Structures are given as C-alpha cells and as structure tokens.
Amino acid sequence: MVTKLELEKIKQDLVSRKLEIEKELQNLSNEKMVDGLSQDDGDQVVTLTMESLRQSLQDTEYSEYTNIIAALASIDAGTYGSCQECHERISENRLKFNPNARRCLNCQEKAEKGLI
C-alpha cells in the first residue's frame, strides 16, 4: 500500500511531468515544418516524414498527458492504485516505474491484446 508521503511525492512528480508535457506539446504545435520556399521532391519527402514524426510524438505525448490527468484525478478521489478494469490493487513496483498506470499488469496485457 502506498503511504500518504509516497502518494504526495507521486502527485508532485505527476504534476511536474504534466507541466513538461504541456510545454512540449505547445512547442510541437508551434514548430514550423515548411520554410515556405519551393521544395524539390526530396525536400518534400523529408518534410512529410518530419511532419509524420512530429504528429506521432504529439500523439504519444498527449496519451501520456491524459493518463497523468486520470492519475491525478484518481489521487484526488482516493482511488489511486486501483485497476480501472478489475479494481484490484496495481502493484507498487508497477506504480513506481509507471506512476500513471491505470491498469494492473494482467489487465494491461489483455488490453494490449484487444481482449478488453
């Protein structure tokens, strides 16, 4: 069971990471991929590849961001550390390495296989 002191540290870490992601997402959305100059086919391919990479990074960051928001809400609600699927406790080791985990390892594996 996570102690009150550990929970406060987790909350501080989550808030800190949330702020980092907000900055990263803002920077990514402001980043200009095309310089407005005429591009040859090679330049266009590079630009499209960079845009695709930027979008993938934004999607990953946003996914982590929504998980952090959910984790902070569960801390406030007193349900932090409970699996959203089976409602069993998420292992402390899992929470230590992934403080915004929303599922226990068993349910996460099922979700990744499309079984949930």
N, C-alpha and C. Protein backbone atom coordinates (compact mmCIF):
# COMPACT_ATOMS: atom_id res chain seq x y z
N MET A 1 0.84 -1.19 0.00
CA MET A 1 0.00 0.00 0.00
C MET A 1 0.88 1.24 0.00
N VAL A 2 0.51 2.20 -0.80
CA VAL A 2 1.26 3.45 -0.92
C VAL A 2 0.95 4.33 0.28
N THR A 3 2.02 4.83 0.93
CA THR A 3 1.83 5.69 2.10
C THR A 3 1.41 7.08 1.64
N LYS A 4 0.91 7.87 2.59
CA LYS A 4 0.47 9.22 2.27
C LYS A 4 1.64 10.07 1.77
N LEU A 5 2.81 9.89 2.36
CA LEU A 5 4.00 10.63 1.95
C LEU A 5 4.42 10.23 0.53
N GLU A 6 4.39 8.93 0.23
CA GLU A 6 4.72 8.45 -1.12
C GLU A 6 3.70 8.98 -2.14
N LEU A 7 2.45 8.99 -1.74
CA LEU A 7 1.40 9.47 -2.63
C LEU A 7 1.59 10.95 -2.95
N GLU A 8 1.99 11.73 -1.98
CA GLU A 8 2.25 13.16 -2.22
C GLU A 8 3.43 13.33 -3.17
N LYS A 9 4.47 12.53 -3.01
CA LYS A 9 5.63 12.58 -3.92
C LYS A 9 5.21 12.19 -5.34
N ILE A 10 4.39 11.15 -5.46
CA ILE A 10 3.90 10.72 -6.77
C ILE A 10 3.10 11.86 -7.40
N LYS A 11 2.24 12.50 -6.61
CA LYS A 11 1.42 13.60 -7.13
C LYS A 11 2.31 14.74 -7.63
N GLN A 12 3.34 15.10 -6.85
CA GLN A 12 4.25 16.16 -7.26
C GLN A 12 4.97 15.79 -8.57
N ASP A 13 5.41 14.53 -8.68
CA ASP A 13 6.08 14.07 -9.90
C ASP A 13 5.14 14.12 -11.09
N LEU A 14 3.89 13.71 -10.89
CA LEU A 14 2.91 13.72 -11.98
C LEU A 14 2.61 15.16 -12.44
N VAL A 15 2.45 16.06 -11.49
CA VAL A 15 2.20 17.46 -11.83
C VAL A 15 3.39 18.04 -12.59
N SER A 16 4.59 17.72 -12.14
CA SER A 16 5.80 18.20 -12.81
C SER A 16 5.87 17.67 -14.25
N ARG A 17 5.60 16.37 -14.43
CA ARG A 17 5.63 15.79 -15.77
C ARG A 17 4.52 16.37 -16.64
N LYS A 18 3.36 16.63 -16.05
CA LYS A 18 2.24 17.23 -16.77
C LYS A 18 2.65 18.59 -17.33
N LEU A 19 3.31 19.39 -16.53
CA LEU A 19 3.77 20.71 -16.98
C LEU A 19 4.80 20.59 -18.09
N GLU A 20 5.70 19.61 -17.98
CA GLU A 20 6.69 19.37 -19.04
C GLU A 20 6.00 19.03 -20.35
N ILE A 21 5.03 18.14 -20.28
CA ILE A 21 4.33 17.72 -21.49
C ILE A 21 3.56 18.89 -22.10
N GLU A 22 2.94 19.71 -21.26
CA GLU A 22 2.22 20.88 -21.78
C GLU A 22 3.17 21.77 -22.58
N LYS A 23 4.39 21.99 -22.06
CA LYS A 23 5.38 22.80 -22.78
C LYS A 23 5.78 22.12 -24.09
N GLU A 24 6.04 20.81 -24.02
CA GLU A 24 6.45 20.07 -25.22
C GLU A 24 5.36 20.11 -26.29
N LEU A 25 4.12 19.92 -25.87
CA LEU A 25 3.02 19.97 -26.84
C LEU A 25 2.87 21.36 -27.44
N GLN A 26 3.05 22.38 -26.64
CA GLN A 26 2.98 23.76 -27.14
C GLN A 26 4.09 24.00 -28.15
N ASN A 27 5.31 23.56 -27.82
CA ASN A 27 6.44 23.73 -28.74
C ASN A 27 6.21 22.97 -30.04
N LEU A 28 5.70 21.76 -29.95
CA LEU A 28 5.45 20.97 -31.15
C LEU A 28 4.39 21.61 -32.03
N SER A 29 3.37 22.17 -31.41
CA SER A 29 2.30 22.77 -32.21
C SER A 29 2.75 24.07 -32.87
N ASN A 30 3.75 24.74 -32.29
CA ASN A 30 4.27 25.98 -32.85
C ASN A 30 5.39 25.77 -33.86
N GLU A 31 5.92 24.54 -33.89
CA GLU A 31 7.05 24.24 -34.75
C GLU A 31 6.65 24.27 -36.22
N LYS A 32 7.43 24.96 -37.00
CA LYS A 32 7.14 25.10 -38.43
C LYS A 32 7.97 24.06 -39.19
N MET A 33 7.30 23.22 -39.97
CA MET A 33 7.99 22.17 -40.71
C MET A 33 8.40 22.61 -42.11
N VAL A 34 7.71 23.57 -42.67
CA VAL A 34 7.99 24.01 -44.04
C VAL A 34 8.45 25.46 -43.98
N ASP A 35 9.52 25.75 -44.71
CA ASP A 35 10.05 27.12 -44.68
C ASP A 35 9.43 28.04 -45.71
N GLY A 36 8.48 27.54 -46.48
CA GLY A 36 7.78 28.37 -47.44
C GLY A 36 8.49 28.50 -48.77
N LEU A 37 9.69 27.97 -48.86
CA LEU A 37 10.43 28.02 -50.12
C LEU A 37 10.03 26.84 -51.00
N SER A 38 10.27 26.98 -52.26
CA SER A 38 9.98 25.92 -53.21
C SER A 38 10.80 24.68 -52.85
N GLN A 39 10.18 23.54 -52.84
CA GLN A 39 10.86 22.31 -52.46
C GLN A 39 10.90 21.35 -53.63
N ASP A 40 12.04 20.64 -53.74
CA ASP A 40 12.09 19.56 -54.73
C ASP A 40 11.48 18.31 -54.11
N ASP A 41 11.41 17.24 -54.88
CA ASP A 41 10.77 16.01 -54.39
C ASP A 41 11.43 15.48 -53.12
N GLY A 42 12.75 15.53 -53.05
CA GLY A 42 13.47 15.06 -51.87
C GLY A 42 13.13 15.87 -50.63
N ASP A 43 13.06 17.19 -50.80
CA ASP A 43 12.71 18.06 -49.67
C ASP A 43 11.28 17.79 -49.20
N GLN A 44 10.39 17.55 -50.15
CA GLN A 44 9.00 17.27 -49.80
C GLN A 44 8.88 15.96 -49.01
N VAL A 45 9.65 14.96 -49.41
CA VAL A 45 9.64 13.68 -48.69
C VAL A 45 10.14 13.87 -47.26
N VAL A 46 11.24 14.61 -47.11
CA VAL A 46 11.79 14.88 -45.78
C VAL A 46 10.77 15.65 -44.94
N THR A 47 10.14 16.65 -45.52
CA THR A 47 9.14 17.45 -44.81
C THR A 47 7.97 16.58 -44.36
N LEU A 48 7.47 15.73 -45.25
CA LEU A 48 6.36 14.84 -44.89
C LEU A 48 6.76 13.85 -43.81
N THR A 49 7.98 13.34 -43.89
CA THR A 49 8.48 12.41 -42.87
C THR A 49 8.59 13.10 -41.52
N MET A 50 9.13 14.32 -41.50
CA MET A 50 9.27 15.08 -40.26
C MET A 50 7.89 15.43 -39.68
N GLU A 51 6.96 15.76 -40.54
CA GLU A 51 5.60 16.08 -40.07
C GLU A 51 4.95 14.84 -39.46
N SER A 52 5.15 13.69 -40.09
CA SER A 52 4.60 12.44 -39.57
C SER A 52 5.23 12.09 -38.22
N LEU A 53 6.52 12.29 -38.11
CA LEU A 53 7.23 12.03 -36.86
C LEU A 53 6.74 12.97 -35.76
N ARG A 54 6.56 14.24 -36.10
CA ARG A 54 6.07 15.23 -35.13
C ARG A 54 4.67 14.85 -34.65
N GLN A 55 3.81 14.43 -35.57
CA GLN A 55 2.45 14.05 -35.21
C GLN A 55 2.45 12.82 -34.30
N SER A 56 3.33 11.86 -34.61
CA SER A 56 3.44 10.66 -33.77
C SER A 56 3.90 11.02 -32.36
N LEU A 57 4.87 11.92 -32.28
CA LEU A 57 5.35 12.38 -30.98
C LEU A 57 4.25 13.10 -30.23
N GLN A 58 3.49 13.94 -30.91
CA GLN A 58 2.36 14.63 -30.26
C GLN A 58 1.35 13.63 -29.73
N ASP A 59 1.03 12.61 -30.52
CA ASP A 59 0.06 11.60 -30.10
C ASP A 59 0.54 10.87 -28.85
N THR A 60 1.82 10.52 -28.83
CA THR A 60 2.41 9.82 -27.68
C THR A 60 2.37 10.70 -26.44
N GLU A 61 2.79 11.95 -26.62
CA GLU A 61 2.79 12.90 -25.50
C GLU A 61 1.36 13.12 -24.98
N TYR A 62 0.41 13.27 -25.88
CA TYR A 62 -0.97 13.50 -25.47
C TYR A 62 -1.54 12.29 -24.73
N SER A 63 -1.19 11.10 -25.17
CA SER A 63 -1.64 9.89 -24.49
C SER A 63 -1.12 9.85 -23.05
N GLU A 64 0.17 10.15 -22.89
CA GLU A 64 0.74 10.20 -21.54
C GLU A 64 0.07 11.29 -20.72
N TYR A 65 -0.19 12.42 -21.35
CA TYR A 65 -0.83 13.54 -20.68
C TYR A 65 -2.22 13.15 -20.13
N THR A 66 -3.02 12.48 -20.96
CA THR A 66 -4.35 12.08 -20.49
C THR A 66 -4.26 11.05 -19.38
N ASN A 67 -3.25 10.17 -19.43
CA ASN A 67 -3.05 9.21 -18.34
C ASN A 67 -2.66 9.91 -17.04
N ILE A 68 -1.86 10.96 -17.15
CA ILE A 68 -1.46 11.72 -15.97
C ILE A 68 -2.67 12.44 -15.37
N ILE A 69 -3.50 13.03 -16.22
CA ILE A 69 -4.71 13.70 -15.75
C ILE A 69 -5.59 12.70 -14.99
N ALA A 70 -5.74 11.50 -15.55
CA ALA A 70 -6.56 10.47 -14.90
C ALA A 70 -5.94 10.04 -13.57
N ALA A 71 -4.62 9.92 -13.53
CA ALA A 71 -3.94 9.52 -12.29
C ALA A 71 -4.12 10.60 -11.22
N LEU A 72 -3.98 11.85 -11.60
CA LEU A 72 -4.19 12.94 -10.63
C LEU A 72 -5.63 12.96 -10.12
N ALA A 73 -6.58 12.72 -11.01
CA ALA A 73 -7.99 12.67 -10.58
C ALA A 73 -8.22 11.50 -9.63
N SER A 74 -7.57 10.36 -9.89
CA SER A 74 -7.76 9.21 -9.00
C SER A 74 -7.09 9.44 -7.65
N ILE A 75 -6.00 10.21 -7.62
CA ILE A 75 -5.39 10.56 -6.33
C ILE A 75 -6.37 11.41 -5.54
N ASP A 76 -6.95 12.42 -6.20
CA ASP A 76 -7.91 13.30 -5.53
C ASP A 76 -9.15 12.54 -5.06
N ALA A 77 -9.56 11.52 -5.84
CA ALA A 77 -10.75 10.74 -5.49
C ALA A 77 -10.46 9.64 -4.48
N GLY A 78 -9.16 9.41 -4.20
CA GLY A 78 -8.80 8.36 -3.25
C GLY A 78 -8.79 6.96 -3.86
N THR A 79 -8.79 6.88 -5.17
CA THR A 79 -8.81 5.56 -5.83
C THR A 79 -7.49 5.25 -6.53
N TYR A 80 -6.46 6.06 -6.32
CA TYR A 80 -5.18 5.84 -6.98
C TYR A 80 -4.62 4.47 -6.63
N GLY A 81 -4.13 3.79 -7.66
CA GLY A 81 -3.52 2.49 -7.45
C GLY A 81 -4.48 1.33 -7.66
N SER A 82 -5.73 1.63 -8.01
CA SER A 82 -6.71 0.59 -8.30
C SER A 82 -6.86 0.46 -9.81
N CYS A 83 -6.90 -0.77 -10.29
CA CYS A 83 -7.04 -1.03 -11.71
C CYS A 83 -8.42 -0.58 -12.19
N GLN A 84 -8.46 0.13 -13.32
CA GLN A 84 -9.73 0.62 -13.85
C GLN A 84 -10.60 -0.50 -14.39
N GLU A 85 -10.02 -1.67 -14.63
CA GLU A 85 -10.78 -2.79 -15.18
C GLU A 85 -11.28 -3.74 -14.08
N CYS A 86 -10.34 -4.31 -13.32
CA CYS A 86 -10.72 -5.34 -12.34
C CYS A 86 -10.84 -4.79 -10.92
N HIS A 87 -10.41 -3.54 -10.72
CA HIS A 87 -10.47 -2.83 -9.44
C HIS A 87 -9.57 -3.43 -8.36
N GLU A 88 -8.67 -4.33 -8.75
CA GLU A 88 -7.66 -4.84 -7.82
C GLU A 88 -6.54 -3.81 -7.70
N ARG A 89 -5.70 -3.97 -6.68
CA ARG A 89 -4.58 -3.06 -6.48
C ARG A 89 -3.54 -3.26 -7.59
N ILE A 90 -3.02 -2.16 -8.12
CA ILE A 90 -1.89 -2.20 -9.04
C ILE A 90 -0.64 -2.34 -8.19
N SER A 91 0.27 -3.21 -8.59
CA SER A 91 1.46 -3.46 -7.76
C SER A 91 2.25 -2.16 -7.56
N GLU A 92 2.84 -2.05 -6.37
CA GLU A 92 3.64 -0.87 -6.06
C GLU A 92 4.83 -0.75 -7.01
N ASN A 93 5.38 -1.89 -7.41
CA ASN A 93 6.51 -1.87 -8.33
C ASN A 93 6.10 -1.28 -9.67
N ARG A 94 4.92 -1.64 -10.16
CA ARG A 94 4.42 -1.10 -11.42
C ARG A 94 4.18 0.41 -11.29
N LEU A 95 3.59 0.82 -10.19
CA LEU A 95 3.33 2.25 -9.98
C LEU A 95 4.63 3.04 -9.81
N LYS A 96 5.64 2.38 -9.25
CA LYS A 96 6.93 3.04 -9.06
C LYS A 96 7.53 3.40 -10.41
N PHE A 97 7.44 2.51 -11.37
CA PHE A 97 8.04 2.74 -12.68
C PHE A 97 7.09 3.40 -13.67
N ASN A 98 5.80 3.33 -13.40
CA ASN A 98 4.80 3.95 -14.27
C ASN A 98 3.70 4.53 -13.38
N PRO A 99 3.95 5.69 -12.78
CA PRO A 99 3.01 6.24 -11.81
C PRO A 99 1.65 6.61 -12.39
N ASN A 100 1.53 6.68 -13.71
CA ASN A 100 0.23 6.98 -14.30
C ASN A 100 -0.44 5.74 -14.87
N ALA A 101 0.02 4.55 -14.42
CA ALA A 101 -0.60 3.29 -14.85
C ALA A 101 -2.06 3.26 -14.39
N ARG A 102 -2.94 2.86 -15.29
CA ARG A 102 -4.37 2.83 -14.98
C ARG A 102 -4.88 1.40 -14.84
N ARG A 103 -4.04 0.44 -15.22
CA ARG A 103 -4.43 -0.97 -15.15
C ARG A 103 -3.34 -1.78 -14.46
N CYS A 104 -3.74 -2.88 -13.83
CA CYS A 104 -2.77 -3.83 -13.31
C CYS A 104 -2.09 -4.49 -14.51
N LEU A 105 -1.00 -5.17 -14.28
CA LEU A 105 -0.25 -5.76 -15.38
C LEU A 105 -1.08 -6.76 -16.17
N ASN A 106 -1.85 -7.58 -15.48
CA ASN A 106 -2.69 -8.58 -16.15
C ASN A 106 -3.71 -7.92 -17.07
N CYS A 107 -4.41 -6.92 -16.59
CA CYS A 107 -5.41 -6.23 -17.41
C CYS A 107 -4.76 -5.43 -18.54
N GLN A 108 -3.57 -4.88 -18.28
CA GLN A 108 -2.87 -4.14 -19.33
C GLN A 108 -2.49 -5.07 -20.48
N GLU A 109 -2.02 -6.27 -20.14
CA GLU A 109 -1.68 -7.24 -21.18
C GLU A 109 -2.93 -7.63 -21.99
N LYS A 110 -4.05 -7.81 -21.30
CA LYS A 110 -5.30 -8.12 -22.00
C LYS A 110 -5.71 -6.97 -22.93
N ALA A 111 -5.56 -5.75 -22.45
CA ALA A 111 -5.93 -4.57 -23.25
C ALA A 111 -5.05 -4.47 -24.50
N GLU A 112 -3.77 -4.76 -24.35
CA GLU A 112 -2.87 -4.70 -25.49
C GLU A 112 -3.16 -5.77 -26.53
N LYS A 113 -3.75 -6.88 -26.08
CA LYS A 113 -4.13 -7.95 -27.00
C LYS A 113 -5.54 -7.73 -27.56
N GLY A 114 -6.19 -6.65 -27.12
CA GLY A 114 -7.53 -6.34 -27.60
C GLY A 114 -8.61 -7.17 -26.93
N LEU A 115 -8.31 -7.74 -25.79
CA LEU A 115 -9.28 -8.58 -25.09
C LEU A 115 -10.15 -7.78 -24.12
N ILE A 116 -9.81 -6.54 -23.92
CA ILE A 116 -10.60 -5.66 -23.03
C ILE A 116 -11.10 -4.51 -23.86
